[in-house]
PDB file of N, CA and C in Angstrom:
ATOM      1  N   MET A   1       0.808  -1.074   0.008  1.00  0.00           N
ATOM      2  CA  MET A   1      -0.014  -0.007   0.102  1.00  0.00           C
ATOM      3  C   MET A   1       0.914   1.366  -0.024  1.00  0.00           C
ATOM      4  N   THR A   2       0.500   2.327  -0.821  1.00  0.00           N
ATOM      5  CA  THR A   2       1.304   3.416  -0.975  1.00  0.00           C
ATOM      6  C   THR A   2       0.602   4.454   0.103  1.00  0.00           C
ATOM      7  N   ALA A   3       1.515   5.078   0.793  1.00  0.00           N
ATOM      8  CA  ALA A   3       1.170   6.009   1.872  1.00  0.00           C
ATOM      9  C   ALA A   3       0.867   7.438   0.991  1.00  0.00           C
ATOM     10  N   ILE A   4      -0.017   8.046   1.659  1.00  0.00           N
ATOM     11  CA  ILE A   4      -0.493   9.323   1.123  1.00  0.00           C
ATOM     12  C   ILE A   4       0.349  10.381   1.755  1.00  0.00           C
ATOM     13  N   ASP A   5       0.405  11.458   1.161  1.00  0.00           N
ATOM     14  CA  ASP A   5       1.131  12.756   1.816  1.00  0.00           C
ATOM     15  C   ASP A   5       0.082  13.520   2.667  1.00  0.00           C
ATOM     16  N   LEU A   6       0.373  13.347   3.961  1.00  0.00           N
ATOM     17  CA  LEU A   6      -0.621  13.766   4.917  1.00  0.00           C
ATOM     18  C   LEU A   6      -0.435  15.511   5.088  1.00  0.00           C
ATOM     19  N   ASP A   7       0.576  15.956   4.453  1.00  0.00           N
ATOM     20  CA  ASP A   7       0.841  17.406   4.482  1.00  0.00           C
ATOM     21  C   ASP A   7       0.377  18.014   3.058  1.00  0.00           C
ATOM     22  N   ARG A   8      -0.456  17.326   2.397  1.00  0.00           N
ATOM     23  CA  ARG A   8      -1.234  17.739   1.172  1.00  0.00           C
ATOM     24  C   ARG A   8      -2.650  17.767   1.364  1.00  0.00           C
ATOM     25  N   ALA A   9      -3.345  18.700   0.684  1.00  0.00           N
ATOM     26  CA  ALA A   9      -4.833  18.731   0.819  1.00  0.00           C
ATOM     27  C   ALA A   9      -5.462  17.601  -0.069  1.00  0.00           C
ATOM     28  N   TRP A  10      -6.412  17.142   0.471  1.00  0.00           N
ATOM     29  CA  TRP A  10      -7.207  15.947  -0.055  1.00  0.00           C
ATOM     30  C   TRP A  10      -8.663  16.482  -0.016  1.00  0.00           C
ATOM     31  N   ASP A  11      -9.479  15.800  -0.771  1.00  0.00           N
ATOM     32  CA  ASP A  11     -10.971  15.706  -0.881  1.00  0.00           C
ATOM     33  C   ASP A  11     -11.651  14.481  -1.189  1.00  0.00           C
ATOM     34  N   LEU A  12     -12.881  14.465  -0.914  1.00  0.00           N
ATOM     35  CA  LEU A  12     -13.683  13.325  -1.282  1.00  0.00           C
ATOM     36  C   LEU A  12     -13.790  13.353  -2.871  1.00  0.00           C
ATOM     37  N   HIS A  13     -13.574  12.403  -3.576  1.00  0.00           N
ATOM     38  CA  HIS A  13     -13.916  12.423  -4.919  1.00  0.00           C
ATOM     39  C   HIS A  13     -15.323  13.150  -5.253  1.00  0.00           C
ATOM     40  N   PRO A  14     -15.454  13.973  -6.114  1.00  0.00           N
ATOM     41  CA  PRO A  14     -16.789  14.438  -6.537  1.00  0.00           C
ATOM     42  C   PRO A  14     -18.031  13.497  -6.776  1.00  0.00           C
ATOM     43  N   LEU A  15     -17.591  12.306  -7.221  1.00  0.00           N
ATOM     44  CA  LEU A  15     -18.661  11.343  -7.492  1.00  0.00           C
ATOM     45  C   LEU A  15     -18.891  10.473  -6.371  1.00  0.00           C
ATOM     46  N   VAL A  16     -18.417  10.557  -5.103  1.00  0.00           N
ATOM     47  CA  VAL A  16     -18.603  10.037  -3.910  1.00  0.00           C
ATOM     48  C   VAL A  16     -19.697  10.339  -3.047  1.00  0.00           C
ATOM     49  N   SER A  17     -20.627   9.583  -2.647  1.00  0.00           N
ATOM     50  CA  SER A  17     -21.582   9.772  -1.786  1.00  0.00           C
ATOM     51  C   SER A  17     -21.261   9.247  -0.389  1.00  0.00           C
ATOM     52  N   VAL A  18     -21.611   9.852   0.857  1.00  0.00           N
ATOM     53  CA  VAL A  18     -21.324   9.540   2.021  1.00  0.00           C
ATOM     54  C   VAL A  18     -22.594   9.355   2.694  1.00  0.00           C
ATOM     55  N   ARG A  19     -22.929   8.108   3.264  1.00  0.00           N
ATOM     56  CA  ARG A  19     -23.975   7.880   4.110  1.00  0.00           C
ATOM     57  C   ARG A  19     -23.557   7.506   5.542  1.00  0.00           C
ATOM     58  N   PRO A  20     -23.743   8.320   6.458  1.00  0.00           N
ATOM     59  CA  PRO A  20     -23.573   7.984   7.847  1.00  0.00           C
ATOM     60  C   PRO A  20     -24.304   6.815   8.261  1.00  0.00           C
ATOM     61  N   GLU A  21     -23.698   6.045   9.046  1.00  0.00           N
ATOM     62  CA  GLU A  21     -24.365   4.893   9.689  1.00  0.00           C
ATOM     63  C   GLU A  21     -23.950   4.804  11.141  1.00  0.00           C
ATOM     64  N   PRO A  22     -24.669   3.993  11.942  1.00  0.00           N
ATOM     65  CA  PRO A  22     -24.125   3.763  13.417  1.00  0.00           C
ATOM     66  C   PRO A  22     -22.745   3.339  13.582  1.00  0.00           C
ATOM     67  N   PHE A  23     -22.376   2.557  12.503  1.00  0.00           N
ATOM     68  CA  PHE A  23     -21.076   1.936  12.814  1.00  0.00           C
ATOM     69  C   PHE A  23     -19.933   2.696  12.178  1.00  0.00           C
ATOM     70  N   GLY A  24     -20.256   3.931  11.403  1.00  0.00           N
ATOM     71  CA  GLY A  24     -19.330   4.744  10.766  1.00  0.00           C
ATOM     72  C   GLY A  24     -19.932   5.410   9.423  1.00  0.00           C
ATOM     73  N   ALA A  25     -19.633   4.694   8.288  1.00  0.00           N
ATOM     74  CA  ALA A  25     -20.221   5.177   7.197  1.00  0.00           C
ATOM     75  C   ALA A  25     -20.155   4.329   6.002  1.00  0.00           C
ATOM     76  N   LEU A  26     -20.933   4.504   4.925  1.00  0.00           N
ATOM     77  CA  LEU A  26     -20.828   3.939   3.745  1.00  0.00           C
ATOM     78  C   LEU A  26     -20.351   4.984   2.691  1.00  0.00           C
ATOM     79  N   LEU A  27     -19.395   4.623   1.968  1.00  0.00           N
ATOM     80  CA  LEU A  27     -19.009   5.497   0.730  1.00  0.00           C
ATOM     81  C   LEU A  27     -19.267   4.716  -0.402  1.00  0.00           C
ATOM     82  N   TYR A  28     -19.958   5.587  -1.348  1.00  0.00           N
ATOM     83  CA  TYR A  28     -20.261   4.856  -2.631  1.00  0.00           C
ATOM     84  C   TYR A  28     -19.751   5.833  -3.834  1.00  0.00           C
ATOM     85  N   HIS A  29     -18.736   5.374  -4.704  1.00  0.00           N
ATOM     86  CA  HIS A  29     -18.397   5.987  -5.927  1.00  0.00           C
ATOM     87  C   HIS A  29     -19.292   5.738  -6.987  1.00  0.00           C
ATOM     88  N   PHE A  30     -19.934   6.796  -7.509  1.00  0.00           N
ATOM     89  CA  PHE A  30     -20.826   6.442  -8.603  1.00  0.00           C
ATOM     90  C   PHE A  30     -20.022   6.335  -9.823  1.00  0.00           C
ATOM     91  N   GLY A  31     -18.857   6.528 -10.010  1.00  0.00           N
ATOM     92  CA  GLY A  31     -18.184   6.280 -11.211  1.00  0.00           C
ATOM     93  C   GLY A  31     -17.585   4.957 -11.418  1.00  0.00           C
ATOM     94  N   THR A  32     -17.018   4.454 -10.395  1.00  0.00           N
ATOM     95  CA  THR A  32     -16.464   3.178 -10.329  1.00  0.00           C
ATOM     96  C   THR A  32     -17.463   2.135  -9.824  1.00  0.00           C
ATOM     97  N   ARG A  33     -18.486   2.516  -8.969  1.00  0.00           N
ATOM     98  CA  ARG A  33     -19.561   1.680  -8.461  1.00  0.00           C
ATOM     99  C   ARG A  33     -18.993   0.743  -7.416  1.00  0.00           C
ATOM    100  N   ARG A  34     -17.883   1.407  -6.619  1.00  0.00           N
ATOM    101  CA  ARG A  34     -17.327   0.870  -5.549  1.00  0.00           C
ATOM    102  C   ARG A  34     -17.970   1.335  -4.262  1.00  0.00           C
ATOM    103  N   LEU A  35     -18.047   0.471  -3.355  1.00  0.00           N
ATOM    104  CA  LEU A  35     -18.578   0.645  -2.126  1.00  0.00           C
ATOM    105  C   LEU A  35     -17.494   0.375  -1.047  1.00  0.00           C
ATOM    106  N   SER A  36     -17.334   1.527  -0.060  1.00  0.00           N
ATOM    107  CA  SER A  36     -16.245   1.344   0.961  1.00  0.00           C
ATOM    108  C   SER A  36     -17.178   1.513   2.346  1.00  0.00           C
ATOM    109  N   PHE A  37     -16.616   0.773   3.265  1.00  0.00           N
ATOM    110  CA  PHE A  37     -17.175   0.767   4.610  1.00  0.00           C
ATOM    111  C   PHE A  37     -16.171   1.537   5.542  1.00  0.00           C
ATOM    112  N   LEU A  38     -16.721   2.452   6.117  1.00  0.00           N
ATOM    113  CA  LEU A  38     -15.917   3.150   7.363  1.00  0.00           C
ATOM    114  C   LEU A  38     -16.414   2.587   8.608  1.00  0.00           C
ATOM    115  N   LYS A  39     -15.506   1.732   9.222  1.00  0.00           N
ATOM    116  CA  LYS A  39     -16.046   1.105  10.570  1.00  0.00           C
ATOM    117  C   LYS A  39     -15.546   1.832  11.716  1.00  0.00           C
ATOM    118  N   ASP A  40     -15.370   3.155  11.422  1.00  0.00           N
ATOM    119  CA  ASP A  40     -14.940   3.991  12.405  1.00  0.00           C
ATOM    120  C   ASP A  40     -15.277   5.397  12.532  1.00  0.00           C
ATOM    121  N   ARG A  41     -16.122   5.747  13.354  1.00  0.00           N
ATOM    122  CA  ARG A  41     -16.933   7.037  13.273  1.00  0.00           C
ATOM    123  C   ARG A  41     -15.765   8.191  13.249  1.00  0.00           C
ATOM    124  N   ARG A  42     -14.636   7.866  13.868  1.00  0.00           N
ATOM    125  CA  ARG A  42     -13.550   9.080  13.975  1.00  0.00           C
ATOM    126  C   ARG A  42     -12.973   9.138  12.449  1.00  0.00           C
ATOM    127  N   LEU A  43     -12.847   8.093  11.700  1.00  0.00           N
ATOM    128  CA  LEU A  43     -12.430   8.012  10.473  1.00  0.00           C
ATOM    129  C   LEU A  43     -13.418   8.887   9.435  1.00  0.00           C
ATOM    130  N   LEU A  44     -14.716   8.684   9.787  1.00  0.00           N
ATOM    131  CA  LEU A  44     -15.671   9.581   9.052  1.00  0.00           C
ATOM    132  C   LEU A  44     -15.555  10.874   9.341  1.00  0.00           C
ATOM    133  N   ALA A  45     -15.210  11.320  10.616  1.00  0.00           N
ATOM    134  CA  ALA A  45     -14.990  12.779  11.011  1.00  0.00           C
ATOM    135  C   ALA A  45     -13.839  13.280  10.194  1.00  0.00           C
ATOM    136  N   VAL A  46     -12.691  12.477  10.034  1.00  0.00           N
ATOM    137  CA  VAL A  46     -11.693  12.952   9.311  1.00  0.00           C
ATOM    138  C   VAL A  46     -12.046  13.193   7.734  1.00  0.00           C
ATOM    139  N   VAL A  47     -12.764  12.071   7.223  1.00  0.00           N
ATOM    140  CA  VAL A  47     -13.035  12.245   5.789  1.00  0.00           C
ATOM    141  C   VAL A  47     -14.028  13.415   5.609  1.00  0.00           C
ATOM    142  N   GLN A  48     -14.944  13.811   6.549  1.00  0.00           N
ATOM    143  CA  GLN A  48     -15.645  15.020   6.409  1.00  0.00           C
ATOM    144  C   GLN A  48     -14.888  16.185   6.637  1.00  0.00           C
ATOM    145  N   ALA A  49     -13.830  16.188   7.512  1.00  0.00           N
ATOM    146  CA  ALA A  49     -12.985  17.388   7.778  1.00  0.00           C
ATOM    147  C   ALA A  49     -12.166  17.705   6.390  1.00  0.00           C
ATOM    148  N   LEU A  50     -11.821  16.718   5.464  1.00  0.00           N
ATOM    149  CA  LEU A  50     -10.928  17.080   4.590  1.00  0.00           C
ATOM    150  C   LEU A  50     -11.299  18.305   3.549  1.00  0.00           C
ATOM    151  N   ALA A  51     -12.677  18.347   3.581  1.00  0.00           N
ATOM    152  CA  ALA A  51     -13.194  19.526   2.644  1.00  0.00           C
ATOM    153  C   ALA A  51     -12.651  20.938   2.993  1.00  0.00           C
ATOM    154  N   HIS A  52     -12.560  21.009   4.345  1.00  0.00           N
ATOM    155  CA  HIS A  52     -12.163  22.502   4.961  1.00  0.00           C
ATOM    156  C   HIS A  52     -10.913  22.507   5.478  1.00  0.00           C
ATOM    157  N   ALA A  53      -9.970  21.323   5.577  1.00  0.00           N
ATOM    158  CA  ALA A  53      -8.711  21.372   6.049  1.00  0.00           C
ATOM    159  C   ALA A  53      -7.657  21.688   4.994  1.00  0.00           C
ATOM    160  N   PRO A  54      -6.627  22.531   5.276  1.00  0.00           N
ATOM    161  CA  PRO A  54      -5.482  22.675   4.361  1.00  0.00           C
ATOM    162  C   PRO A  54      -4.726  21.343   4.055  1.00  0.00           C
ATOM    163  N   THR A  55      -4.699  20.535   4.881  1.00  0.00           N
ATOM    164  CA  THR A  55      -3.906  19.184   4.609  1.00  0.00           C
ATOM    165  C   THR A  55      -4.784  18.052   5.313  1.00  0.00           C
ATOM    166  N   ALA A  56      -4.417  16.855   4.944  1.00  0.00           N
ATOM    167  CA  ALA A  56      -4.864  15.581   5.706  1.00  0.00           C
ATOM    168  C   ALA A  56      -4.479  15.613   7.164  1.00  0.00           C
ATOM    169  N   ARG A  57      -3.363  15.783   7.378  1.00  0.00           N
ATOM    170  CA  ARG A  57      -2.944  15.976   8.934  1.00  0.00           C
ATOM    171  C   ARG A  57      -3.815  17.101   9.561  1.00  0.00           C
ATOM    172  N   ALA A  58      -4.015  18.093   9.090  1.00  0.00           N
ATOM    173  CA  ALA A  58      -4.906  19.159   9.785  1.00  0.00           C
ATOM    174  C   ALA A  58      -6.342  18.568   9.865  1.00  0.00           C
ATOM    175  N   ALA A  59      -6.832  17.866   8.881  1.00  0.00           N
ATOM    176  CA  ALA A  59      -8.294  17.315   8.979  1.00  0.00           C
ATOM    177  C   ALA A  59      -8.203  16.000  10.110  1.00  0.00           C
ATOM    178  N   CYS A  60      -7.173  15.454  10.378  1.00  0.00           N
ATOM    179  CA  CYS A  60      -7.092  14.377  11.283  1.00  0.00           C
ATOM    180  C   CYS A  60      -7.064  15.177  12.785  1.00  0.00           C
ATOM    181  N   LEU A  61      -6.386  16.239  12.861  1.00  0.00           N
ATOM    182  CA  LEU A  61      -6.261  16.902  14.208  1.00  0.00           C
ATOM    183  C   LEU A  61      -7.655  17.585  14.513  1.00  0.00           C
ATOM    184  N   ALA A  62      -8.267  18.314  13.323  1.00  0.00           N
ATOM    185  CA  ALA A  62      -9.561  18.907  13.388  1.00  0.00           C
ATOM    186  C   ALA A  62     -10.694  17.884  14.047  1.00  0.00           C
ATOM    187  N   ALA A  63     -10.424  16.658  13.721  1.00  0.00           N
ATOM    188  CA  ALA A  63     -11.369  15.470  14.002  1.00  0.00           C
ATOM    189  C   ALA A  63     -11.210  15.018  15.355  1.00  0.00           C
ATOM    190  N   GLY A  64     -10.159  15.577  16.136  1.00  0.00           N
ATOM    191  CA  GLY A  64      -9.890  15.266  17.437  1.00  0.00           C
ATOM    192  C   GLY A  64      -8.900  14.190  17.689  1.00  0.00           C
ATOM    193  N   LEU A  65      -8.133  13.676  16.756  1.00  0.00           N
ATOM    194  CA  LEU A  65      -7.198  12.686  16.791  1.00  0.00           C
ATOM    195  C   LEU A  65      -5.843  13.307  17.464  1.00  0.00           C
ATOM    196  N   GLY A  66      -5.420  12.480  18.225  1.00  0.00           N
ATOM    197  CA  GLY A  66      -3.989  12.912  18.762  1.00  0.00           C
ATOM    198  C   GLY A  66      -2.935  12.619  17.665  1.00  0.00           C
ATOM    199  N   GLU A  67      -1.866  13.453  17.789  1.00  0.00           N
ATOM    200  CA  GLU A  67      -0.788  13.250  16.905  1.00  0.00           C
ATOM    201  C   GLU A  67      -0.238  11.907  16.599  1.00  0.00           C
ATOM    202  N   HIS A  68      -0.200  11.157  17.755  1.00  0.00           N
ATOM    203  CA  HIS A  68       0.225   9.678  17.741  1.00  0.00           C
ATOM    204  C   HIS A  68      -0.633   8.807  16.887  1.00  0.00           C
ATOM    205  N   GLU A  69      -2.034   9.240  16.715  1.00  0.00           N
ATOM    206  CA  GLU A  69      -3.050   8.319  15.869  1.00  0.00           C
ATOM    207  C   GLU A  69      -2.985   8.844  14.543  1.00  0.00           C
ATOM    208  N   VAL A  70      -2.412   9.808  14.086  1.00  0.00           N
ATOM    209  CA  VAL A  70      -2.361  10.328  12.673  1.00  0.00           C
ATOM    210  C   VAL A  70      -1.872   9.342  11.679  1.00  0.00           C
ATOM    211  N   PRO A  71      -0.717   8.670  12.057  1.00  0.00           N
ATOM    212  CA  PRO A  71      -0.192   7.786  10.976  1.00  0.00           C
ATOM    213  C   PRO A  71      -1.131   6.578  10.699  1.00  0.00           C
ATOM    214  N   ARG A  72      -1.848   6.067  11.878  1.00  0.00           N
ATOM    215  CA  ARG A  72      -2.836   5.000  11.544  1.00  0.00           C
ATOM    216  C   ARG A  72      -3.990   5.456  10.604  1.00  0.00           C
ATOM    217  N   TYR A  73      -4.576   6.690  10.891  1.00  0.00           N
ATOM    218  CA  TYR A  73      -5.602   7.253  10.100  1.00  0.00           C
ATOM    219  C   TYR A  73      -5.094   7.588   8.677  1.00  0.00           C
ATOM    220  N   GLY A  74      -4.033   7.875   8.646  1.00  0.00           N
ATOM    221  CA  GLY A  74      -3.110   8.061   7.353  1.00  0.00           C
ATOM    222  C   GLY A  74      -3.225   7.074   6.526  1.00  0.00           C
ATOM    223  N   ARG A  75      -2.996   5.778   7.111  1.00  0.00           N
ATOM    224  CA  ARG A  75      -2.885   4.520   6.392  1.00  0.00           C
ATOM    225  C   ARG A  75      -4.450   4.194   5.713  1.00  0.00           C
ATOM    226  N   ALA A  76      -5.448   4.593   6.623  1.00  0.00           N
ATOM    227  CA  ALA A  76      -6.808   4.393   6.229  1.00  0.00           C
ATOM    228  C   ALA A  76      -7.067   5.205   4.947  1.00  0.00           C
ATOM    229  N   LEU A  77      -6.684   6.459   5.082  1.00  0.00           N
ATOM    230  CA  LEU A  77      -6.938   7.392   4.076  1.00  0.00           C
ATOM    231  C   LEU A  77      -6.178   7.037   2.701  1.00  0.00           C
ATOM    232  N   ALA A  78      -5.019   6.263   2.867  1.00  0.00           N
ATOM    233  CA  ALA A  78      -4.401   5.816   1.760  1.00  0.00           C
ATOM    234  C   ALA A  78      -5.100   4.750   1.084  1.00  0.00           C
ATOM    235  N   VAL A  79      -5.792   3.882   1.766  1.00  0.00           N
ATOM    236  CA  VAL A  79      -6.533   2.876   1.198  1.00  0.00           C
ATOM    237  C   VAL A  79      -7.926   3.621   0.318  1.00  0.00           C
ATOM    238  N   LEU A  80      -8.580   4.614   1.048  1.00  0.00           N
ATOM    239  CA  LEU A  80      -9.393   5.380   0.429  1.00  0.00           C
ATOM    240  C   LEU A  80      -8.907   6.000  -0.873  1.00  0.00           C
ATOM    241  N   ALA A  81      -7.688   6.526  -0.939  1.00  0.00           N
ATOM    242  CA  ALA A  81      -7.129   7.077  -2.027  1.00  0.00           C
ATOM    243  C   ALA A  81      -6.777   6.108  -3.094  1.00  0.00           C
ATOM    244  N   GLN A  82      -6.410   4.884  -2.874  1.00  0.00           N
ATOM    245  CA  GLN A  82      -6.086   3.804  -3.738  1.00  0.00           C
ATOM    246  C   GLN A  82      -7.415   3.340  -4.492  1.00  0.00           C
ATOM    247  N   SER A  83      -8.456   3.644  -3.689  1.00  0.00           N
ATOM    248  CA  SER A  83      -9.957   3.221  -4.390  1.00  0.00           C
ATOM    249  C   SER A  83     -10.746   4.373  -4.954  1.00  0.00           C
ATOM    250  N   SER A  84      -9.896   5.526  -5.040  1.00  0.00           N
ATOM    251  CA  SER A  84     -10.352   6.786  -5.693  1.00  0.00           C
ATOM    252  C   SER A  84     -11.510   7.443  -4.947  1.00  0.00           C
ATOM    253  N   MET A  85     -11.774   6.977  -3.547  1.00  0.00           N
ATOM    254  CA  MET A  85     -12.641   7.716  -2.780  1.00  0.00           C
ATOM    255  C   MET A  85     -12.287   8.969  -2.410  1.00  0.00           C
ATOM    256  N   VAL A  86     -11.017   9.461  -1.996  1.00  0.00           N
ATOM    257  CA  VAL A  86     -10.405  10.545  -1.796  1.00  0.00           C
ATOM    258  C   VAL A  86      -9.358  10.730  -2.976  1.00  0.00           C
ATOM    259  N   VAL A  87      -9.222  12.122  -3.262  1.00  0.00           N
ATOM    260  CA  VAL A  87      -8.277  12.428  -4.237  1.00  0.00           C
ATOM    261  C   VAL A  87      -7.542  13.624  -3.726  1.00  0.00           C
ATOM    262  N   GLY A  88      -6.612  13.904  -4.373  1.00  0.00           N
ATOM    263  CA  GLY A  88      -5.613  15.220  -4.009  1.00  0.00           C
ATOM    264  C   GLY A  88      -6.342  16.350  -4.516  1.00  0.00           C
ATOM    265  N   ARG A  89      -6.450  17.308  -3.594  1.00  0.00           N
ATOM    266  CA  ARG A  89      -6.956  18.580  -4.045  1.00  0.00           C
ATOM    267  C   ARG A  89      -6.181  19.394  -5.132  1.00  0.00           C
ATOM    268  N   THR A  90      -6.759  19.726  -6.033  1.00  0.00           N
ATOM    269  CA  THR A  90      -5.840  20.501  -7.316  1.00  0.00           C
ATOM    270  C   THR A  90      -5.918  21.943  -7.137  1.00  0.00           C
ATOM    271  N   SER A  91      -6.771  22.580  -6.494  1.00  0.00           N
ATOM    272  CA  SER A  91      -6.906  24.013  -6.310  1.00  0.00           C
ATOM    273  C   SER A  91      -6.989  24.414  -4.888  1.00  0.00           C
TER     274      SER A  91
END
């Protein structure tokens, strides 16, 4: 698995829909027809914070993660990036 650059801005892909659930959330990519399960409500908070954070690291911290937890959530974001659920922000 390739790591993502946590010091770069990321966003949900524009074709991804998020449906919060008691266990976390479902992400559905309308372009690829892929479904991803977020089994952690804190990961959902990170994903939602991406839109307003200048970096993925800032999104993690804004979601209430401690600095020691950021690498673990960075790996989860990398999985989402590999499946095109999250993409690097271009502007």
